[in-house]
Amino acid sequence: MYNVQKPLPKLPIPELAETMSKYLLCIRPIVSGDQYERTRQLVEEFQQPGGTGELLQKSLLEYAETTDNWVSL
């Protein structure tokens, strides 16, 4: 099964903003208005330049350069 894994292209890492946008779309139908608004604020804070999200995204990009599959450890 793994003998064909090497020739496969690496999975791209989605942009942080794209991931956060999809996250908000997914949770919208299952949380209250107040919960959604609080989560939206937290997502905006998380995405701020120099913030936690940017630092984690940078770490993920660096990790992806050193491994065949960044999705699994």
Protein backbone atom coordinates (compact mmCIF):
# COMPACT_ATOMS: atom_id res chain seq x y z
CA MET A 1 0.00 0.00 0.00
CA TYR A 2 2.76 2.46 0.87
CA ASN A 3 4.87 1.61 -2.16
CA VAL A 4 3.00 4.19 -4.25
CA GLN A 5 3.10 6.93 -1.64
CA LYS A 6 6.43 8.48 -2.69
CA PRO A 7 5.34 9.49 -6.22
CA LEU A 8 2.25 11.27 -4.91
CA PRO A 9 2.48 15.06 -4.72
CA LYS A 10 2.48 16.66 -1.28
CA LEU A 11 -0.80 18.03 -0.03
CA PRO A 12 -0.88 21.83 -0.14
CA ILE A 13 -1.26 23.73 3.11
CA PRO A 14 -4.30 25.98 2.95
CA GLU A 15 -3.93 29.65 3.78
CA LEU A 16 -4.79 30.52 7.38
CA ALA A 17 -7.57 32.91 6.33
CA GLU A 18 -9.14 30.21 4.15
CA THR A 19 -9.08 27.70 7.02
CA MET A 20 -10.60 30.18 9.46
CA SER A 21 -13.31 31.17 6.98
CA LYS A 22 -14.29 27.52 6.49
CA TYR A 23 -14.27 26.98 10.25
CA LEU A 24 -16.71 29.83 10.77
CA LEU A 25 -18.96 28.53 7.99
CA CYS A 26 -19.00 25.08 9.61
CA ILE A 27 -19.87 26.24 13.11
CA ARG A 28 -22.46 28.87 12.15
CA PRO A 29 -25.40 26.45 11.96
CA ILE A 30 -24.60 24.74 15.27
CA VAL A 31 -23.93 27.61 17.69
CA SER A 32 -26.07 30.43 19.05
CA GLY A 33 -25.73 33.96 17.73
CA ASP A 34 -23.78 35.05 20.80
CA GLN A 35 -21.47 32.04 20.60
CA TYR A 36 -20.86 32.66 16.92
CA GLU A 37 -20.05 36.32 17.47
CA ARG A 38 -17.60 35.47 20.27
CA THR A 39 -15.99 32.79 18.10
CA ARG A 40 -15.74 35.21 15.17
CA GLN A 41 -13.94 37.70 17.42
CA LEU A 42 -11.55 34.99 18.62
CA VAL A 43 -10.86 33.92 15.03
CA GLU A 44 -10.04 37.52 14.06
CA GLU A 45 -7.70 37.82 17.04
CA PHE A 46 -6.09 34.47 16.17
CA GLN A 47 -5.41 35.66 12.59
CA GLN A 48 -3.81 38.99 13.51
CA PRO A 49 -0.36 39.61 11.99
CA GLY A 50 2.24 38.31 14.43
CA GLY A 51 -0.47 36.46 16.35
CA THR A 52 -0.80 32.86 17.38
CA GLY A 53 -2.35 31.74 14.11
CA GLU A 54 0.39 33.27 12.00
CA LEU A 55 3.08 31.70 14.20
CA LEU A 56 1.43 28.28 14.05
CA GLN A 57 0.95 28.56 10.28
CA LYS A 58 4.66 29.38 9.90
CA SER A 59 5.57 26.36 12.03
CA LEU A 60 3.32 24.14 9.92
CA LEU A 61 4.89 25.40 6.71
CA GLU A 62 8.36 24.69 8.10
CA TYR A 63 7.31 21.22 9.24
CA ALA A 64 5.80 20.46 5.84
CA GLU A 65 9.16 21.10 4.20
CA THR A 66 10.77 18.33 6.23
CA THR A 67 8.15 15.60 5.86
CA ASP A 68 6.29 13.76 3.15
CA ASN A 69 2.91 14.13 4.86
CA TRP A 70 2.27 17.12 7.11
CA VAL A 71 -1.28 15.91 7.89
CA SER A 72 -0.10 13.00 10.04
CA LEU A 73 2.79 12.75 12.45
